[in-house]
Amino acid sequence: MKTIYRSADEAIAQVKDGMTIMVGGFGLVGIPEQLIIALAKSGVKDLTVISNNCGIDDWGLGLLLKNKQIKKVIASYVGENKEFERQVIAGDLEVELTPQGTLAEKIRAGGAGIPAFYTPAGVGTWIAEGKEIRLFGEKEYLLEQSLVADFAFIRAYKSDRLGNLQYNKTAQNFNPIMATAAKITIAEVEEFVEIGELDPGFIHTPSIYVQGMLQAEQQKRIEKVTTRL
């Protein structure tokens, strides 16, 4: 049986200043909403955040940005956050932009214990500056180091009491690979079921990767509202 925290504040209590955290989700889909709110309230600072993007101004990781709790962001897309833009221009935030596929592979490789890998993505661009370039066949590849973290905060659709996780549709994005690449993984879970209720063939993250869980609250905001007359 894995720890099921009574509150998000309890779940993030071990996060300290200067730690590296991975945060699952894509846009506002599949993000650990309550865990992020708890981090924002905690006042922990100088964080390095690894995530596909940095939320929006008033939700998701945007809450941590607003509080200036993030020192560095490693991400692939940051276009929906004006506060992010302001802090980068002001020199208050360090950013490492990475092609999305490369970011995913850096996390997956970190979880697999692979320290680095070669990829053609980014060759001939500023992304390759200062990195080793090697020729395989007739094509150039650059060396990318993998990513690991102190904590991974992820969002799951279902879990049993052992911590076996299922994700809902596109919420599978970065959540499964981040679960494998951190020392401690905390899953915000929408629905808990009894042991044996999950089909073993449809478990996306085995319990061995999960150290704790939290009952999620259902908010799921819309990133961009569009209407048609």
Foldseek 3Di string as FASTA:
>chain_A
DFAADPALLVVCVPDAAQFEEEFADDALPWTQFRNLVNVLVVPHAQYEYEYQEQYECPGHNVSCLVVRRYAEYEHADYPRYPSVVVCVVVVRHHYHHDHPVVSLVLLLCLLVVNFKDWDLPPPPHPNQPPFDWDDDPNGITTIDTHDATAEYETEFAEAEPLQQGAHDPCSVPNRLSNLRRHPAYEYAYAYYDHPPPDDPVRGSHDSVSHRYYYHGDDDRDDSDDDDDD
